[in-house]
Amino acid sequence: MKLIILDRDGVINHDRDDFVKSADEWVPIEGSMDAIAFLAEAGYTLAVATNQSGIGRKYFTMQDLTEMHNKMHKLVQQAGGVIDGIWFCPHTADSDCDCRKPKPGMVKDIIERFNAEAADTWMVGDSLRDLQAVAAVGGKPVLVLTGKGSKTLAAEGEQLPENTQVFDNLLAFSQYLTQQADAKPADKP
């Protein structure tokens, strides 16, 4: 099982300081739909793990979130890709839940649901908490510089989990992974 877990806001779509609250405000980052399509075509299973405390704060409803995710699915499918599942935490930061990143609850659940190995699972995020969530289970952390990624690298670069890889965006990561996969067969005798 080749599994990649993606954070949503700042990785797949543009983030907003006042929360992405509707399908109209959900705008993909250039190249992210193609990146997901490339990864799906390369045989990766793709899941989304996203903190959505705007629900707990009553900034938007479950219906609004469903509409955002329907838009995301539609645009990914138009690009030729697929997202195999979406996990979200609706709780606020002061909740004592296990699903809100940096806690690893969502990541563990995704890995178990897809019967994947944590050590072989990538997680792409734009914040330290995304990387901490996958590192806590022994997965592979990837920081993208979109969204809050550049600020994360500048302010918390020394705190990144060991072996964190850094890419300009999701498209650059997808190109790296697909090039790695293309290079492996040529290396075999």
Foldseek 3Di string as FASTA:
>chain_A
DQEEEEEPDQAQFDADPLGQAALVSGHGDPQNLLLQQLCVVVPYAYEYEYEALCCVVVVYHPVRVVRNVVSVQVSSVVSRHGHPYYHYHNHDPPDPDQRDFLRQPVVVVVCVVVVHQLCNYEYEDQAQRSQNNSVVRNHAYEHECTHNNVVRCVPPVVVGDPNYHYYPGSNRVSVVVVVVVVVVVVPDD
